[in-house]
Amino acid sequence: MSSSPTQVTEEIYQYLRKNFSSEDEFLRQLKLDAKEAGIPEICISEEQGKFLQFFLKSINAKYVLEIGSLAGYSAITMARALPEGGKLIAVEIFDKNARFIEKMAEKAGLADKIEVINADAKDFLADWKPEFELDFVFVDADKKGYKTYFELTTPHIRKGGVFAADNALGFGHIAEPNPKSEPGNVKAIQEMNQILKNSPLYDSCLVTVGDGMAMGIKL
C-alpha cells in the first residue's frame, strides 16, 4: 500500500490500452474517417471510454446528455452502454460534425439510441423541456462555457445522477496559478472544478483518467 500516486509510464499506459480499452475496429475507423472529413482529431482516450461505459452501467443510466460531441466517438462509446430504450442526446454546434455523427450512429446500429441536436448548447438548453430526468451529463465542449452548461443542466439531473466535465486536469496545467498554455481555457476549468467541489447540490471527485474528469453526484 502506498499513499503516493503511481506514475503512469508509457509501459503502464500501453498496458491499460491493451487490457482496459473500449476501442474496437469501428471506433478506430471512425477516427480515420473523421480525420479525412476534416474534423479535428480530438476525442476521449480509450481507457476513458471504458471507464465511462463501466460507470454508466454501474448507475443504471438510461438517459444521457452529451455537450460537445465533435465526431461522435464518445457518443457512440457511451450509447453502447445504455439499455434497450436508452437515449443519448448529442449536442453539437457544427453542422458538418452533426451530420457526421448521424452517419456514424447509423453505421454503428445506434440510430435509435443517439439523437443528434445541431445547435449551440446554450440556446438548446435554455428552452429544453425534457420528458425525463437525466442520469448522466458529459460536457466536453468550449471550456469557458462549462459553468453555464453546469447551471443549465443541473435542474434536469435526477437525484443520484451525475454531472461530468472533461479535461479537468487542464491539459496538464491545472495546478498552475498562472497557466502557461491555454490560460483562458485552463482558468475556466479551474473555476469549474471549484464550482463542482463547493456546490451544496453535489458530492464531487476528480477522476484522473485521460485528461481527468470532474464528476459530481447530485444529492
C-alpha atoms as a PDB file:
ATOM      1  CA  MET A   1       0.000   0.000   0.000  1.00  0.00           C
ATOM      2  CA  SER A   2       1.246   3.474  -0.829  1.00  0.00           C
ATOM      3  CA  SER A   3      -0.047   6.957  -0.113  1.00  0.00           C
ATOM      4  CA  SER A   4       1.737   8.286  -3.200  1.00  0.00           C
ATOM      5  CA  PRO A   5       0.085   8.032  -6.619  1.00  0.00           C
ATOM      6  CA  THR A   6       1.614   5.645  -9.127  1.00  0.00           C
ATOM      7  CA  GLN A   7       3.201   7.375 -12.102  1.00  0.00           C
ATOM      8  CA  VAL A   8       1.592   6.225 -15.336  1.00  0.00           C
ATOM      9  CA  THR A   9       4.585   5.380 -17.503  1.00  0.00           C
ATOM     10  CA  GLU A  10       4.334   4.662 -21.220  1.00  0.00           C
ATOM     11  CA  GLU A  11       4.512   0.938 -20.415  1.00  0.00           C
ATOM     12  CA  ILE A  12       1.625   1.207 -17.963  1.00  0.00           C
ATOM     13  CA  TYR A  13      -0.374   3.282 -20.424  1.00  0.00           C
ATOM     14  CA  GLN A  14       0.081   0.650 -23.117  1.00  0.00           C
ATOM     15  CA  TYR A  15      -0.990  -1.999 -20.593  1.00  0.00           C
ATOM     16  CA  LEU A  16      -4.189  -0.026 -19.966  1.00  0.00           C
ATOM     17  CA  ARG A  17      -4.850   0.309 -23.686  1.00  0.00           C
ATOM     18  CA  LYS A  18      -4.297  -3.400 -24.237  1.00  0.00           C
ATOM     19  CA  ASN A  19      -6.413  -4.637 -21.333  1.00  0.00           C
ATOM     20  CA  PHE A  20      -8.948  -1.922 -20.482  1.00  0.00           C
ATOM     21  CA  SER A  21      -9.971  -0.195 -23.690  1.00  0.00           C
ATOM     22  CA  SER A  22     -13.402   0.382 -25.205  1.00  0.00           C
ATOM     23  CA  GLU A  23     -11.971   0.950 -28.671  1.00  0.00           C
ATOM     24  CA  ASP A  24     -12.710  -1.579 -31.391  1.00  0.00           C
ATOM     25  CA  GLU A  25     -12.202  -1.589 -35.152  1.00  0.00           C
ATOM     26  CA  PHE A  26     -15.328   0.512 -35.714  1.00  0.00           C
ATOM     27  CA  LEU A  27     -14.103   3.302 -33.438  1.00  0.00           C
ATOM     28  CA  ARG A  28     -10.609   3.159 -34.904  1.00  0.00           C
ATOM     29  CA  GLN A  29     -12.100   3.569 -38.371  1.00  0.00           C
ATOM     30  CA  LEU A  30     -14.335   6.380 -37.121  1.00  0.00           C
ATOM     31  CA  LYS A  31     -11.246   8.353 -36.112  1.00  0.00           C
ATOM     32  CA  LEU A  32      -9.722   7.833 -39.547  1.00  0.00           C
ATOM     33  CA  ASP A  33     -12.956   8.832 -41.294  1.00  0.00           C
ATOM     34  CA  ALA A  34     -13.253  11.918 -39.095  1.00  0.00           C
ATOM     35  CA  LYS A  35      -9.722  12.977 -39.985  1.00  0.00           C
ATOM     36  CA  GLU A  36     -10.478  12.513 -43.674  1.00  0.00           C
ATOM     37  CA  ALA A  37     -13.625  14.630 -43.247  1.00  0.00           C
ATOM     38  CA  GLY A  38     -11.566  17.440 -41.743  1.00  0.00           C
ATOM     39  CA  ILE A  39     -12.840  17.013 -38.189  1.00  0.00           C
ATOM     40  CA  PRO A  40     -10.177  17.683 -35.517  1.00  0.00           C
ATOM     41  CA  GLU A  41      -8.506  14.603 -34.059  1.00  0.00           C
ATOM     42  CA  ILE A  42      -9.764  15.216 -30.540  1.00  0.00           C
ATOM     43  CA  CYS A  43     -11.638  12.583 -28.567  1.00  0.00           C
ATOM     44  CA  ILE A  44     -11.657  10.841 -25.223  1.00  0.00           C
ATOM     45  CA  SER A  45      -8.933   8.289 -24.572  1.00  0.00           C
ATOM     46  CA  GLU A  46      -9.576   4.570 -24.986  1.00  0.00           C
ATOM     47  CA  GLU A  47      -9.364   3.871 -21.259  1.00  0.00           C
ATOM     48  CA  GLN A  48     -11.610   6.853 -20.566  1.00  0.00           C
ATOM     49  CA  GLY A  49     -14.180   5.316 -22.874  1.00  0.00           C
ATOM     50  CA  LYS A  50     -14.004   2.050 -20.950  1.00  0.00           C
ATOM     51  CA  PHE A  51     -14.424   3.915 -17.669  1.00  0.00           C
ATOM     52  CA  LEU A  52     -17.480   5.772 -18.975  1.00  0.00           C
ATOM     53  CA  GLN A  53     -19.107   2.542 -20.138  1.00  0.00           C
ATOM     54  CA  PHE A  54     -18.386   0.888 -16.798  1.00  0.00           C
ATOM     55  CA  PHE A  55     -19.693   3.905 -14.901  1.00  0.00           C
ATOM     56  CA  LEU A  56     -22.904   4.260 -16.909  1.00  0.00           C
ATOM     57  CA  LYS A  57     -23.723   0.617 -16.287  1.00  0.00           C
ATOM     58  CA  SER A  58     -22.965   0.994 -12.576  1.00  0.00           C
ATOM     59  CA  ILE A  59     -25.579   3.756 -12.163  1.00  0.00           C
ATOM     60  CA  ASN A  60     -28.073   2.036 -14.496  1.00  0.00           C
ATOM     61  CA  ALA A  61     -28.023   5.070 -16.758  1.00  0.00           C
ATOM     62  CA  LYS A  62     -30.784   5.298 -19.330  1.00  0.00           C
ATOM     63  CA  TYR A  63     -30.810   8.970 -20.323  1.00  0.00           C
ATOM     64  CA  VAL A  64     -27.531  10.703 -21.152  1.00  0.00           C
ATOM     65  CA  LEU A  65     -26.799  14.205 -22.411  1.00  0.00           C
ATOM     66  CA  GLU A  66     -23.502  14.977 -24.107  1.00  0.00           C
ATOM     67  CA  ILE A  67     -22.494  18.566 -24.801  1.00  0.00           C
ATOM     68  CA  GLY A  68     -19.798  18.811 -27.446  1.00  0.00           C
ATOM     69  CA  SER A  69     -19.827  15.599 -29.486  1.00  0.00           C
ATOM     70  CA  LEU A  70     -17.378  16.505 -32.282  1.00  0.00           C
ATOM     71  CA  ALA A  71     -17.179  13.308 -34.395  1.00  0.00           C
ATOM     72  CA  GLY A  72     -19.333  11.106 -32.176  1.00  0.00           C
ATOM     73  CA  TYR A  73     -16.573   8.906 -30.745  1.00  0.00           C
ATOM     74  CA  SER A  74     -17.640   9.383 -27.131  1.00  0.00           C
ATOM     75  CA  ALA A  75     -21.347   9.420 -28.012  1.00  0.00           C
ATOM     76  CA  ILE A  76     -21.115   6.005 -29.660  1.00  0.00           C
ATOM     77  CA  THR A  77     -18.900   4.701 -26.860  1.00  0.00           C
ATOM     78  CA  MET A  78     -21.425   5.727 -24.197  1.00  0.00           C
ATOM     79  CA  ALA A  79     -24.532   4.744 -26.177  1.00  0.00           C
ATOM     80  CA  ARG A  80     -23.201   1.198 -26.356  1.00  0.00           C
ATOM     81  CA  ALA A  81     -23.505   1.015 -22.568  1.00  0.00           C
ATOM     82  CA  LEU A  82     -27.166   2.046 -22.462  1.00  0.00           C
ATOM     83  CA  PRO A  83     -30.009  -0.461 -22.064  1.00  0.00           C
ATOM     84  CA  GLU A  84     -32.815  -1.058 -24.527  1.00  0.00           C
ATOM     85  CA  GLY A  85     -34.899   2.100 -24.667  1.00  0.00           C
ATOM     86  CA  GLY A  86     -31.959   4.219 -23.572  1.00  0.00           C
ATOM     87  CA  LYS A  87     -31.256   7.565 -25.187  1.00  0.00           C
ATOM     88  CA  LEU A  88     -28.139   9.677 -25.637  1.00  0.00           C
ATOM     89  CA  ILE A  89     -28.690  13.241 -26.763  1.00  0.00           C
ATOM     90  CA  ALA A  90     -25.589  14.549 -28.526  1.00  0.00           C
ATOM     91  CA  VAL A  91     -25.463  18.333 -28.820  1.00  0.00           C
ATOM     92  CA  GLU A  92     -23.016  19.528 -31.471  1.00  0.00           C
ATOM     93  CA  ILE A  93     -22.774  23.106 -32.704  1.00  0.00           C
ATOM     94  CA  PHE A  94     -21.142  22.488 -36.085  1.00  0.00           C
ATOM     95  CA  ASP A  95     -23.390  21.238 -38.878  1.00  0.00           C
ATOM     96  CA  LYS A  96     -20.704  19.146 -40.609  1.00  0.00           C
ATOM     97  CA  ASN A  97     -19.896  17.367 -37.365  1.00  0.00           C
ATOM     98  CA  ALA A  98     -23.560  16.769 -36.536  1.00  0.00           C
ATOM     99  CA  ARG A  99     -24.187  15.151 -39.929  1.00  0.00           C
ATOM    100  CA  PHE A 100     -21.071  13.003 -39.482  1.00  0.00           C
ATOM    101  CA  ILE A 101     -22.297  11.802 -36.073  1.00  0.00           C
ATOM    102  CA  GLU A 102     -25.679  10.848 -37.522  1.00  0.00           C
ATOM    103  CA  LYS A 103     -23.949   8.877 -40.269  1.00  0.00           C
ATOM    104  CA  MET A 104     -21.700   7.064 -37.778  1.00  0.00           C
ATOM    105  CA  ALA A 105     -24.583   6.333 -35.400  1.00  0.00           C
ATOM    106  CA  GLU A 106     -26.471   4.744 -38.287  1.00  0.00           C
ATOM    107  CA  LYS A 107     -23.442   2.654 -39.278  1.00  0.00           C
ATOM    108  CA  ALA A 108     -22.979   1.569 -35.659  1.00  0.00           C
ATOM    109  CA  GLY A 109     -26.596   0.429 -35.411  1.00  0.00           C
ATOM    110  CA  LEU A 110     -27.286   3.058 -32.769  1.00  0.00           C
ATOM    111  CA  ALA A 111     -29.591   5.452 -34.623  1.00  0.00           C
ATOM    112  CA  ASP A 112     -32.399   4.520 -32.234  1.00  0.00           C
ATOM    113  CA  LYS A 113     -30.286   5.449 -29.205  1.00  0.00           C
ATOM    114  CA  ILE A 114     -28.414   8.551 -30.377  1.00  0.00           C
ATOM    115  CA  GLU A 115     -30.320  11.762 -31.072  1.00  0.00           C
ATOM    116  CA  VAL A 116     -28.143  14.480 -32.585  1.00  0.00           C
ATOM    117  CA  ILE A 117     -29.012  18.102 -31.846  1.00  0.00           C
ATOM    118  CA  ASN A 118     -27.263  20.520 -34.217  1.00  0.00           C
ATOM    119  CA  ALA A 119     -27.331  23.689 -32.128  1.00  0.00           C
ATOM    120  CA  ASP A 120     -25.462  25.933 -29.751  1.00  0.00           C
ATOM    121  CA  ALA A 121     -25.827  24.080 -26.447  1.00  0.00           C
ATOM    122  CA  LYS A 122     -26.611  27.264 -24.518  1.00  0.00           C
ATOM    123  CA  ASP A 123     -29.527  28.077 -26.814  1.00  0.00           C
ATOM    124  CA  PHE A 124     -30.779  24.492 -26.830  1.00  0.00           C
ATOM    125  CA  LEU A 125     -30.649  24.107 -23.047  1.00  0.00           C
ATOM    126  CA  ALA A 126     -32.290  27.473 -22.383  1.00  0.00           C
ATOM    127  CA  ASP A 127     -35.550  26.213 -23.923  1.00  0.00           C
ATOM    128  CA  TRP A 128     -35.221  22.468 -23.343  1.00  0.00           C
ATOM    129  CA  LYS A 129     -38.079  20.772 -21.516  1.00  0.00           C
ATOM    130  CA  PRO A 130     -37.294  17.038 -21.464  1.00  0.00           C
ATOM    131  CA  GLU A 131     -39.930  14.476 -20.528  1.00  0.00           C
ATOM    132  CA  PHE A 132     -37.381  12.610 -18.421  1.00  0.00           C
ATOM    133  CA  GLU A 133     -34.663  13.277 -15.876  1.00  0.00           C
ATOM    134  CA  LEU A 134     -31.058  12.808 -16.873  1.00  0.00           C
ATOM    135  CA  ASP A 135     -28.910  10.080 -15.385  1.00  0.00           C
ATOM    136  CA  PHE A 136     -25.638  11.450 -16.724  1.00  0.00           C
ATOM    137  CA  VAL A 137     -24.346  14.647 -18.304  1.00  0.00           C
ATOM    138  CA  PHE A 138     -20.975  14.658 -20.055  1.00  0.00           C
ATOM    139  CA  VAL A 139     -19.524  18.019 -21.052  1.00  0.00           C
ATOM    140  CA  ASP A 140     -16.584  18.208 -23.437  1.00  0.00           C
ATOM    141  CA  ALA A 141     -17.151  21.483 -25.253  1.00  0.00           C
ATOM    142  CA  ASP A 142     -15.832  25.050 -25.043  1.00  0.00           C
ATOM    143  CA  LYS A 143     -14.216  25.305 -21.624  1.00  0.00           C
ATOM    144  CA  LYS A 144     -15.415  28.851 -20.954  1.00  0.00           C
ATOM    145  CA  GLY A 145     -18.974  27.572 -21.299  1.00  0.00           C
ATOM    146  CA  TYR A 146     -18.629  24.849 -18.651  1.00  0.00           C
ATOM    147  CA  LYS A 147     -20.119  26.968 -15.863  1.00  0.00           C
ATOM    148  CA  THR A 148     -23.169  27.823 -17.964  1.00  0.00           C
ATOM    149  CA  TYR A 149     -23.677  24.207 -19.015  1.00  0.00           C
ATOM    150  CA  PHE A 150     -23.484  23.160 -15.374  1.00  0.00           C
ATOM    151  CA  GLU A 151     -26.121  25.710 -14.371  1.00  0.00           C
ATOM    152  CA  LEU A 152     -28.456  24.840 -17.253  1.00  0.00           C
ATOM    153  CA  THR A 153     -28.263  21.055 -16.895  1.00  0.00           C
ATOM    154  CA  THR A 154     -28.406  20.722 -13.100  1.00  0.00           C
ATOM    155  CA  PRO A 155     -32.219  21.170 -12.930  1.00  0.00           C
ATOM    156  CA  HIS A 156     -32.636  18.244 -15.342  1.00  0.00           C
ATOM    157  CA  ILE A 157     -30.379  15.775 -13.499  1.00  0.00           C
ATOM    158  CA  ARG A 158     -32.092  13.281 -11.222  1.00  0.00           C
ATOM    159  CA  LYS A 159     -31.119  12.788  -7.606  1.00  0.00           C
ATOM    160  CA  GLY A 160     -28.249  10.333  -7.779  1.00  0.00           C
ATOM    161  CA  GLY A 161     -27.494  11.390 -11.344  1.00  0.00           C
ATOM    162  CA  VAL A 162     -24.050  12.610 -12.320  1.00  0.00           C
ATOM    163  CA  PHE A 163     -22.543  15.682 -13.976  1.00  0.00           C
ATOM    164  CA  ALA A 164     -19.097  15.204 -15.526  1.00  0.00           C
ATOM    165  CA  ALA A 165     -16.781  17.796 -17.072  1.00  0.00           C
ATOM    166  CA  ASP A 166     -13.909  16.562 -19.226  1.00  0.00           C
ATOM    167  CA  ASN A 167     -10.331  17.920 -19.256  1.00  0.00           C
ATOM    168  CA  ALA A 168     -10.439  18.534 -15.515  1.00  0.00           C
ATOM    169  CA  LEU A 169      -6.636  18.327 -15.393  1.00  0.00           C
ATOM    170  CA  GLY A 170      -6.426  21.289 -17.736  1.00  0.00           C
ATOM    171  CA  PHE A 171      -4.148  19.619 -20.301  1.00  0.00           C
ATOM    172  CA  GLY A 172      -1.613  19.071 -17.529  1.00  0.00           C
ATOM    173  CA  HIS A 173      -1.676  22.686 -16.290  1.00  0.00           C
ATOM    174  CA  ILE A 174      -4.477  22.559 -13.701  1.00  0.00           C
ATOM    175  CA  ALA A 175      -2.196  23.187 -10.700  1.00  0.00           C
ATOM    176  CA  GLU A 176      -0.573  26.291 -12.192  1.00  0.00           C
ATOM    177  CA  PRO A 177      -1.749  29.625 -10.687  1.00  0.00           C
ATOM    178  CA  ASN A 178      -0.834  31.297 -13.980  1.00  0.00           C
ATOM    179  CA  PRO A 179      -1.162  28.650 -16.690  1.00  0.00           C
ATOM    180  CA  LYS A 180       1.488  28.882 -19.391  1.00  0.00           C
ATOM    181  CA  SER A 181      -0.580  27.080 -22.018  1.00  0.00           C
ATOM    182  CA  GLU A 182      -4.172  27.949 -22.990  1.00  0.00           C
ATOM    183  CA  PRO A 183      -4.573  30.216 -19.930  1.00  0.00           C
ATOM    184  CA  GLY A 184      -8.178  31.166 -20.701  1.00  0.00           C
ATOM    185  CA  ASN A 185      -9.322  27.572 -21.034  1.00  0.00           C
ATOM    186  CA  VAL A 186      -7.329  26.336 -18.043  1.00  0.00           C
ATOM    187  CA  LYS A 187      -8.661  29.148 -15.841  1.00  0.00           C
ATOM    188  CA  ALA A 188     -12.209  28.207 -16.869  1.00  0.00           C
ATOM    189  CA  ILE A 189     -11.532  24.567 -15.994  1.00  0.00           C
ATOM    190  CA  GLN A 190     -10.054  25.582 -12.639  1.00  0.00           C
ATOM    191  CA  GLU A 191     -13.218  27.571 -11.955  1.00  0.00           C
ATOM    192  CA  MET A 192     -15.453  24.645 -12.944  1.00  0.00           C
ATOM    193  CA  ASN A 193     -13.561  22.275 -10.662  1.00  0.00           C
ATOM    194  CA  GLN A 194     -14.063  24.638  -7.736  1.00  0.00           C
ATOM    195  CA  ILE A 195     -17.738  25.199  -8.521  1.00  0.00           C
ATOM    196  CA  LEU A 196     -18.396  21.462  -8.538  1.00  0.00           C
ATOM    197  CA  LYS A 197     -16.268  20.909  -5.438  1.00  0.00           C
ATOM    198  CA  ASN A 198     -18.111  23.601  -3.468  1.00  0.00           C
ATOM    199  CA  SER A 199     -21.660  23.069  -4.741  1.00  0.00           C
ATOM    200  CA  PRO A 200     -24.065  22.008  -1.966  1.00  0.00           C
ATOM    201  CA  LEU A 201     -26.064  20.164  -4.621  1.00  0.00           C
ATOM    202  CA  TYR A 202     -23.296  17.683  -5.421  1.00  0.00           C
ATOM    203  CA  ASP A 203     -20.767  15.343  -3.854  1.00  0.00           C
ATOM    204  CA  SER A 204     -17.799  15.533  -6.182  1.00  0.00           C
ATOM    205  CA  CYS A 205     -14.472  13.989  -7.108  1.00  0.00           C
ATOM    206  CA  LEU A 206     -11.864  14.258  -9.844  1.00  0.00           C
ATOM    207  CA  VAL A 207     -11.120  11.066 -11.747  1.00  0.00           C
ATOM    208  CA  THR A 208      -7.612  11.058 -13.212  1.00  0.00           C
ATOM    209  CA  VAL A 209      -8.279   9.020 -16.332  1.00  0.00           C
ATOM    210  CA  GLY A 210      -7.416  10.614 -19.659  1.00  0.00           C
ATOM    211  CA  ASP A 211      -7.096  14.364 -19.056  1.00  0.00           C
ATOM    212  CA  GLY A 212      -9.279  13.974 -15.980  1.00  0.00           C
ATOM    213  CA  MET A 213     -12.992  14.306 -15.347  1.00  0.00           C
ATOM    214  CA  ALA A 214     -14.547  16.402 -12.598  1.00  0.00           C
ATOM    215  CA  MET A 215     -17.611  14.436 -11.533  1.00  0.00           C
ATOM    216  CA  GLY A 216     -20.414  15.234  -9.143  1.00  0.00           C
ATOM    217  CA  ILE A 217     -23.291  13.072  -7.969  1.00  0.00           C
ATOM    218  CA  LYS A 218     -26.454  15.080  -7.335  1.00  0.00           C
ATOM    219  CA  LEU A 219     -27.625  14.919  -3.734  1.00  0.00           C
END
